[in-house]
Amino acid sequence: MASLTNNYEALVEALALAITAPNDAMAQQCAEMAVQIAERGYMNADEVEKAKADALQQVRTTADNRISVNEDEGE
């Protein structure tokens, strides 16, 4: 993970972690962090919606990369 430089990047990362968390408790924890980041970062609804879309894209890209690597390895 790259170093986070602003609240927006932190929000995207928290949302992505909430999506990929290994269990509901951790997902809830990450979601709560995302809410705190959005509130403390004084983000408007449009910024939060964009962060949600960016987090989903990040998760999809990571999943696609993992699938591609597994296919290349013959799995």
PDB file of N, CA and C in Angstrom:
ATOM      1  N   MET A   1       0.850  -1.171   0.000  1.00  0.00           N
ATOM      2  CA  MET A   1       0.000   0.000   0.000  1.00  0.00           C
ATOM      3  C   MET A   1       0.898   1.237   0.000  1.00  0.00           C
ATOM      4  N   ALA A   2       0.561   2.165  -0.829  1.00  0.00           N
ATOM      5  CA  ALA A   2       1.298   3.426  -0.903  1.00  0.00           C
ATOM      6  C   ALA A   2       0.953   4.291   0.307  1.00  0.00           C
ATOM      7  N   SER A   3       1.814   5.220   0.591  1.00  0.00           N
ATOM      8  CA  SER A   3       1.576   6.146   1.681  1.00  0.00           C
ATOM      9  C   SER A   3       0.380   7.037   1.353  1.00  0.00           C
ATOM     10  N   LEU A   4      -0.496   7.194   2.323  1.00  0.00           N
ATOM     11  CA  LEU A   4      -1.689   8.027   2.127  1.00  0.00           C
ATOM     12  C   LEU A   4      -1.315   9.477   2.393  1.00  0.00           C
ATOM     13  N   THR A   5      -1.728  10.358   1.493  1.00  0.00           N
ATOM     14  CA  THR A   5      -1.314  11.759   1.619  1.00  0.00           C
ATOM     15  C   THR A   5      -2.451  12.709   1.959  1.00  0.00           C
ATOM     16  N   ASN A   6      -3.699  12.229   1.939  1.00  0.00           N
ATOM     17  CA  ASN A   6      -4.805  13.121   2.260  1.00  0.00           C
ATOM     18  C   ASN A   6      -6.017  12.320   2.731  1.00  0.00           C
ATOM     19  N   ASN A   7      -7.020  13.016   3.201  1.00  0.00           N
ATOM     20  CA  ASN A   7      -8.224  12.368   3.733  1.00  0.00           C
ATOM     21  C   ASN A   7      -8.970  11.573   2.664  1.00  0.00           C
ATOM     22  N   TYR A   8      -8.957  12.063   1.432  1.00  0.00           N
ATOM     23  CA  TYR A   8      -9.656  11.356   0.363  1.00  0.00           C
ATOM     24  C   TYR A   8      -9.036   9.969   0.150  1.00  0.00           C
ATOM     25  N   GLU A   9      -7.710   9.919   0.066  1.00  0.00           N
ATOM     26  CA  GLU A   9      -7.028   8.631  -0.121  1.00  0.00           C
ATOM     27  C   GLU A   9      -7.289   7.702   1.066  1.00  0.00           C
ATOM     28  N   ALA A  10      -7.303   8.255   2.268  1.00  0.00           N
ATOM     29  CA  ALA A  10      -7.585   7.458   3.462  1.00  0.00           C
ATOM     30  C   ALA A  10      -9.003   6.907   3.410  1.00  0.00           C
ATOM     31  N   LEU A  11      -9.934   7.702   2.939  1.00  0.00           N
ATOM     32  CA  LEU A  11     -11.321   7.248   2.830  1.00  0.00           C
ATOM     33  C   LEU A  11     -11.435   6.117   1.818  1.00  0.00           C
ATOM     34  N   VAL A  12     -10.813   6.268   0.668  1.00  0.00           N
ATOM     35  CA  VAL A  12     -10.853   5.211  -0.349  1.00  0.00           C
ATOM     36  C   VAL A  12     -10.277   3.917   0.222  1.00  0.00           C
ATOM     37  N   GLU A  13      -9.161   4.027   0.909  1.00  0.00           N
ATOM     38  CA  GLU A  13      -8.514   2.832   1.476  1.00  0.00           C
ATOM     39  C   GLU A  13      -9.396   2.186   2.537  1.00  0.00           C
ATOM     40  N   ALA A  14      -9.994   2.971   3.416  1.00  0.00           N
ATOM     41  CA  ALA A  14     -10.880   2.423   4.451  1.00  0.00           C
ATOM     42  C   ALA A  14     -12.078   1.719   3.826  1.00  0.00           C
ATOM     43  N   LEU A  15     -12.636   2.301   2.778  1.00  0.00           N
ATOM     44  CA  LEU A  15     -13.768   1.679   2.095  1.00  0.00           C
ATOM     45  C   LEU A  15     -13.356   0.371   1.418  1.00  0.00           C
ATOM     46  N   ALA A  16     -12.199   0.374   0.765  1.00  0.00           N
ATOM     47  CA  ALA A  16     -11.707  -0.846   0.117  1.00  0.00           C
ATOM     48  C   ALA A  16     -11.459  -1.943   1.158  1.00  0.00           C
ATOM     49  N   LEU A  17     -10.895  -1.554   2.289  1.00  0.00           N
ATOM     50  CA  LEU A  17     -10.670  -2.533   3.356  1.00  0.00           C
ATOM     51  C   LEU A  17     -11.990  -3.077   3.903  1.00  0.00           C
ATOM     52  N   ALA A  18     -12.997  -2.225   3.996  1.00  0.00           N
ATOM     53  CA  ALA A  18     -14.312  -2.681   4.457  1.00  0.00           C
ATOM     54  C   ALA A  18     -14.891  -3.716   3.495  1.00  0.00           C
ATOM     55  N   ILE A  19     -14.694  -3.510   2.213  1.00  0.00           N
ATOM     56  CA  ILE A  19     -15.217  -4.443   1.203  1.00  0.00           C
ATOM     57  C   ILE A  19     -14.498  -5.784   1.281  1.00  0.00           C
ATOM     58  N   THR A  20     -13.192  -5.752   1.513  1.00  0.00           N
ATOM     59  CA  THR A  20     -12.391  -6.975   1.449  1.00  0.00           C
ATOM     60  C   THR A  20     -12.084  -7.596   2.815  1.00  0.00           C
ATOM     61  N   ALA A  21     -12.632  -7.040   3.858  1.00  0.00           N
ATOM     62  CA  ALA A  21     -12.352  -7.556   5.205  1.00  0.00           C
ATOM     63  C   ALA A  21     -12.735  -9.037   5.304  1.00  0.00           C
ATOM     64  N   PRO A  22     -11.953  -9.806   6.071  1.00  0.00           N
ATOM     65  CA  PRO A  22     -12.199 -11.246   6.149  1.00  0.00           C
ATOM     66  C   PRO A  22     -13.415 -11.647   6.986  1.00  0.00           C
ATOM     67  N   ASN A  23     -13.964 -10.703   7.733  1.00  0.00           N
ATOM     68  CA  ASN A  23     -15.167 -11.033   8.511  1.00  0.00           C
ATOM     69  C   ASN A  23     -15.993  -9.771   8.746  1.00  0.00           C
ATOM     70  N   ASP A  24     -17.219  -9.980   9.211  1.00  0.00           N
ATOM     71  CA  ASP A  24     -18.146  -8.859   9.396  1.00  0.00           C
ATOM     72  C   ASP A  24     -17.666  -7.852  10.437  1.00  0.00           C
ATOM     73  N   ALA A  25     -17.034  -8.334  11.504  1.00  0.00           N
ATOM     74  CA  ALA A  25     -16.570  -7.423  12.557  1.00  0.00           C
ATOM     75  C   ALA A  25     -15.502  -6.472  12.014  1.00  0.00           C
ATOM     76  N   MET A  26     -14.583  -7.001  11.246  1.00  0.00           N
ATOM     77  CA  MET A  26     -13.535  -6.145  10.680  1.00  0.00           C
ATOM     78  C   MET A  26     -14.109  -5.219   9.617  1.00  0.00           C
ATOM     79  N   ALA A  27     -15.050  -5.706   8.843  1.00  0.00           N
ATOM     80  CA  ALA A  27     -15.701  -4.857   7.842  1.00  0.00           C
ATOM     81  C   ALA A  27     -16.407  -3.696   8.517  1.00  0.00           C
ATOM     82  N   GLN A  28     -17.082  -3.971   9.623  1.00  0.00           N
ATOM     83  CA  GLN A  28     -17.778  -2.927  10.371  1.00  0.00           C
ATOM     84  C   GLN A  28     -16.796  -1.902  10.918  1.00  0.00           C
ATOM     85  N   GLN A  29     -15.661  -2.388  11.420  1.00  0.00           N
ATOM     86  CA  GLN A  29     -14.631  -1.492  11.950  1.00  0.00           C
ATOM     87  C   GLN A  29     -14.117  -0.552  10.859  1.00  0.00           C
ATOM     88  N   CYS A  30     -13.845  -1.104   9.697  1.00  0.00           N
ATOM     89  CA  CYS A  30     -13.342  -0.295   8.577  1.00  0.00           C
ATOM     90  C   CYS A  30     -14.401   0.691   8.101  1.00  0.00           C
ATOM     91  N   ALA A  31     -15.649   0.258   8.068  1.00  0.00           N
ATOM     92  CA  ALA A  31     -16.737   1.144   7.656  1.00  0.00           C
ATOM     93  C   ALA A  31     -16.879   2.311   8.637  1.00  0.00           C
ATOM     94  N   GLU A  32     -16.728   2.025   9.926  1.00  0.00           N
ATOM     95  CA  GLU A  32     -16.797   3.083  10.927  1.00  0.00           C
ATOM     96  C   GLU A  32     -15.632   4.068  10.763  1.00  0.00           C
ATOM     97  N   MET A  33     -14.453   3.540  10.453  1.00  0.00           N
ATOM     98  CA  MET A  33     -13.311   4.418  10.190  1.00  0.00           C
ATOM     99  C   MET A  33     -13.594   5.309   8.985  1.00  0.00           C
ATOM    100  N   ALA A  34     -14.201   4.735   7.959  1.00  0.00           N
ATOM    101  CA  ALA A  34     -14.518   5.505   6.752  1.00  0.00           C
ATOM    102  C   ALA A  34     -15.463   6.657   7.087  1.00  0.00           C
ATOM    103  N   VAL A  35     -16.454   6.386   7.918  1.00  0.00           N
ATOM    104  CA  VAL A  35     -17.393   7.435   8.317  1.00  0.00           C
ATOM    105  C   VAL A  35     -16.650   8.548   9.064  1.00  0.00           C
ATOM    106  N   GLN A  36     -15.773   8.157   9.983  1.00  0.00           N
ATOM    107  CA  GLN A  36     -15.008   9.153  10.739  1.00  0.00           C
ATOM    108  C   GLN A  36     -14.110   9.985   9.826  1.00  0.00           C
ATOM    109  N   ILE A  37     -13.471   9.333   8.873  1.00  0.00           N
ATOM    110  CA  ILE A  37     -12.605  10.061   7.941  1.00  0.00           C
ATOM    111  C   ILE A  37     -13.419  11.055   7.127  1.00  0.00           C
ATOM    112  N   ALA A  38     -14.562  10.611   6.623  1.00  0.00           N
ATOM    113  CA  ALA A  38     -15.408  11.498   5.817  1.00  0.00           C
ATOM    114  C   ALA A  38     -15.899  12.688   6.637  1.00  0.00           C
ATOM    115  N   GLU A  39     -16.295  12.416   7.881  1.00  0.00           N
ATOM    116  CA  GLU A  39     -16.811  13.498   8.727  1.00  0.00           C
ATOM    117  C   GLU A  39     -15.698  14.461   9.140  1.00  0.00           C
ATOM    118  N   ARG A  40     -14.572  13.932   9.550  1.00  0.00           N
ATOM    119  CA  ARG A  40     -13.462  14.781  10.015  1.00  0.00           C
ATOM    120  C   ARG A  40     -12.740  15.461   8.860  1.00  0.00           C
ATOM    121  N   GLY A  41     -12.863  14.878   7.681  1.00  0.00           N
ATOM    122  CA  GLY A  41     -12.247  15.467   6.502  1.00  0.00           C
ATOM    123  C   GLY A  41     -13.145  16.482   5.836  1.00  0.00           C
ATOM    124  N   TYR A  42     -14.318  16.698   6.436  1.00  0.00           N
ATOM    125  CA  TYR A  42     -15.284  17.665   5.924  1.00  0.00           C
ATOM    126  C   TYR A  42     -15.592  17.414   4.446  1.00  0.00           C
ATOM    127  N   MET A  43     -15.857  16.158   4.121  1.00  0.00           N
ATOM    128  CA  MET A  43     -16.134  15.798   2.736  1.00  0.00           C
ATOM    129  C   MET A  43     -17.625  15.928   2.452  1.00  0.00           C
ATOM    130  N   ASN A  44     -17.911  16.401   1.252  1.00  0.00           N
ATOM    131  CA  ASN A  44     -19.315  16.513   0.870  1.00  0.00           C
ATOM    132  C   ASN A  44     -19.782  15.196   0.264  1.00  0.00           C
ATOM    133  N   ALA A  45     -21.068  15.097   0.002  1.00  0.00           N
ATOM    134  CA  ALA A  45     -21.663  13.858  -0.497  1.00  0.00           C
ATOM    135  C   ALA A  45     -21.053  13.430  -1.827  1.00  0.00           C
ATOM    136  N   ASP A  46     -20.761  14.374  -2.699  1.00  0.00           N
ATOM    137  CA  ASP A  46     -20.165  14.028  -3.992  1.00  0.00           C
ATOM    138  C   ASP A  46     -18.775  13.404  -3.821  1.00  0.00           C
ATOM    139  N   GLU A  47     -17.984  13.949  -2.904  1.00  0.00           N
ATOM    140  CA  GLU A  47     -16.648  13.389  -2.658  1.00  0.00           C
ATOM    141  C   GLU A  47     -16.746  11.974  -2.089  1.00  0.00           C
ATOM    142  N   VAL A  48     -17.697  11.758  -1.195  1.00  0.00           N
ATOM    143  CA  VAL A  48     -17.878  10.433  -0.600  1.00  0.00           C
ATOM    144  C   VAL A  48     -18.323   9.435  -1.671  1.00  0.00           C
ATOM    145  N   GLU A  49     -19.239   9.840  -2.528  1.00  0.00           N
ATOM    146  CA  GLU A  49     -19.691   8.946  -3.605  1.00  0.00           C
ATOM    147  C   GLU A  49     -18.556   8.612  -4.561  1.00  0.00           C
ATOM    148  N   LYS A  50     -17.723   9.588  -4.877  1.00  0.00           N
ATOM    149  CA  LYS A  50     -16.572   9.334  -5.741  1.00  0.00           C
ATOM    150  C   LYS A  50     -15.600   8.383  -5.051  1.00  0.00           C
ATOM    151  N   ALA A  51     -15.391   8.564  -3.758  1.00  0.00           N
ATOM    152  CA  ALA A  51     -14.507   7.669  -3.003  1.00  0.00           C
ATOM    153  C   ALA A  51     -15.045   6.245  -3.009  1.00  0.00           C
ATOM    154  N   LYS A  52     -16.351   6.091  -2.890  1.00  0.00           N
ATOM    155  CA  LYS A  52     -16.961   4.752  -2.953  1.00  0.00           C
ATOM    156  C   LYS A  52     -16.681   4.106  -4.304  1.00  0.00           C
ATOM    157  N   ALA A  53     -16.864   4.855  -5.364  1.00  0.00           N
ATOM    158  CA  ALA A  53     -16.623   4.324  -6.712  1.00  0.00           C
ATOM    159  C   ALA A  53     -15.140   3.987  -6.889  1.00  0.00           C
ATOM    160  N   ASP A  54     -14.261   4.834  -6.393  1.00  0.00           N
ATOM    161  CA  ASP A  54     -12.825   4.583  -6.514  1.00  0.00           C
ATOM    162  C   ASP A  54     -12.416   3.350  -5.701  1.00  0.00           C
ATOM    163  N   ALA A  55     -12.997   3.184  -4.522  1.00  0.00           N
ATOM    164  CA  ALA A  55     -12.686   2.012  -3.694  1.00  0.00           C
ATOM    165  C   ALA A  55     -13.137   0.731  -4.389  1.00  0.00           C
ATOM    166  N   LEU A  56     -14.319   0.761  -4.959  1.00  0.00           N
ATOM    167  CA  LEU A  56     -14.826  -0.411  -5.681  1.00  0.00           C
ATOM    168  C   LEU A  56     -13.929  -0.731  -6.868  1.00  0.00           C
ATOM    169  N   GLN A  57     -13.493   0.286  -7.593  1.00  0.00           N
ATOM    170  CA  GLN A  57     -12.591   0.075  -8.719  1.00  0.00           C
ATOM    171  C   GLN A  57     -11.255  -0.488  -8.242  1.00  0.00           C
ATOM    172  N   GLN A  58     -10.756   0.003  -7.131  1.00  0.00           N
ATOM    173  CA  GLN A  58      -9.505  -0.503  -6.564  1.00  0.00           C
ATOM    174  C   GLN A  58      -9.631  -1.986  -6.236  1.00  0.00           C
ATOM    175  N   VAL A  59     -10.743  -2.367  -5.625  1.00  0.00           N
ATOM    176  CA  VAL A  59     -10.971  -3.776  -5.271  1.00  0.00           C
ATOM    177  C   VAL A  59     -11.063  -4.627  -6.536  1.00  0.00           C
ATOM    178  N   ARG A  60     -11.784  -4.143  -7.524  1.00  0.00           N
ATOM    179  CA  ARG A  60     -11.910  -4.895  -8.783  1.00  0.00           C
ATOM    180  C   ARG A  60     -10.558  -5.069  -9.465  1.00  0.00           C
ATOM    181  N   THR A  61      -9.768  -4.013  -9.501  1.00  0.00           N
ATOM    182  CA  THR A  61      -8.451  -4.077 -10.134  1.00  0.00           C
ATOM    183  C   THR A  61      -7.560  -5.080  -9.411  1.00  0.00           C
ATOM    184  N   THR A  62      -7.588  -5.045  -8.091  1.00  0.00           N
ATOM    185  CA  THR A  62      -6.788  -5.987  -7.305  1.00  0.00           C
ATOM    186  C   THR A  62      -7.233  -7.415  -7.583  1.00  0.00           C
ATOM    187  N   ALA A  63      -8.534  -7.645  -7.618  1.00  0.00           N
ATOM    188  CA  ALA A  63      -9.052  -8.987  -7.894  1.00  0.00           C
ATOM    189  C   ALA A  63      -8.670  -9.437  -9.296  1.00  0.00           C
ATOM    190  N   ASP A  64      -8.801  -8.545 -10.270  1.00  0.00           N
ATOM    191  CA  ASP A  64      -8.434  -8.878 -11.648  1.00  0.00           C
ATOM    192  C   ASP A  64      -6.955  -9.229 -11.743  1.00  0.00           C
ATOM    193  N   ASN A  65      -6.113  -8.483 -11.047  1.00  0.00           N
ATOM    194  CA  ASN A  65      -4.676  -8.757 -11.060  1.00  0.00           C
ATOM    195  C   ASN A  65      -4.367 -10.117 -10.443  1.00  0.00           C
ATOM    196  N   ARG A  66      -5.062 -10.449  -9.372  1.00  0.00           N
ATOM    197  CA  ARG A  66      -4.845 -11.747  -8.730  1.00  0.00           C
ATOM    198  C   ARG A  66      -5.287 -12.882  -9.643  1.00  0.00           C
ATOM    199  N   ILE A  67      -6.390 -12.701 -10.319  1.00  0.00           N
ATOM    200  CA  ILE A  67      -6.870 -13.722 -11.248  1.00  0.00           C
ATOM    201  C   ILE A  67      -5.868 -13.903 -12.374  1.00  0.00           C
ATOM    202  N   SER A  68      -5.371 -12.803 -12.900  1.00  0.00           N
ATOM    203  CA  SER A  68      -4.403 -12.851 -13.992  1.00  0.00           C
ATOM    204  C   SER A  68      -3.122 -13.566 -13.562  1.00  0.00           C
ATOM    205  N   VAL A  69      -2.638 -13.282 -12.368  1.00  0.00           N
ATOM    206  CA  VAL A  69      -1.429 -13.935 -11.872  1.00  0.00           C
ATOM    207  C   VAL A  69      -1.675 -15.426 -11.711  1.00  0.00           C
ATOM    208  N   ASN A  70      -2.822 -15.797 -11.159  1.00  0.00           N
ATOM    209  CA  ASN A  70      -3.138 -17.208 -10.979  1.00  0.00           C
ATOM    210  C   ASN A  70      -3.243 -17.936 -12.316  1.00  0.00           C
ATOM    211  N   GLU A  71      -3.821 -17.285 -13.300  1.00  0.00           N
ATOM    212  CA  GLU A  71      -3.922 -17.888 -14.634  1.00  0.00           C
ATOM    213  C   GLU A  71      -2.546 -18.061 -15.241  1.00  0.00           C
ATOM    214  N   ASP A  72      -1.681 -17.079 -15.042  1.00  0.00           N
ATOM    215  CA  ASP A  72      -0.320 -17.155 -15.574  1.00  0.00           C
ATOM    216  C   ASP A  72       0.473 -18.284 -14.919  1.00  0.00           C
ATOM    217  N   GLU A  73       0.148 -18.571 -13.664  1.00  0.00           N
ATOM    218  CA  GLU A  73       0.840 -19.637 -12.933  1.00  0.00           C
ATOM    219  C   GLU A  73       0.223 -20.995 -13.187  1.00  0.00           C
ATOM    220  N   GLY A  74      -0.865 -21.030 -13.963  1.00  0.00           N
ATOM    221  CA  GLY A  74      -1.499 -22.287 -14.303  1.00  0.00           C
ATOM    222  C   GLY A  74      -2.459 -22.827 -13.274  1.00  0.00           C
ATOM    223  N   GLU A  75      -2.954 -21.987 -12.416  1.00  0.00           N
ATOM    224  CA  GLU A  75      -3.911 -22.420 -11.406  1.00  0.00           C
ATOM    225  C   GLU A  75      -5.318 -22.358 -11.927  1.00  0.00           C
TER     226      GLU A  75
END
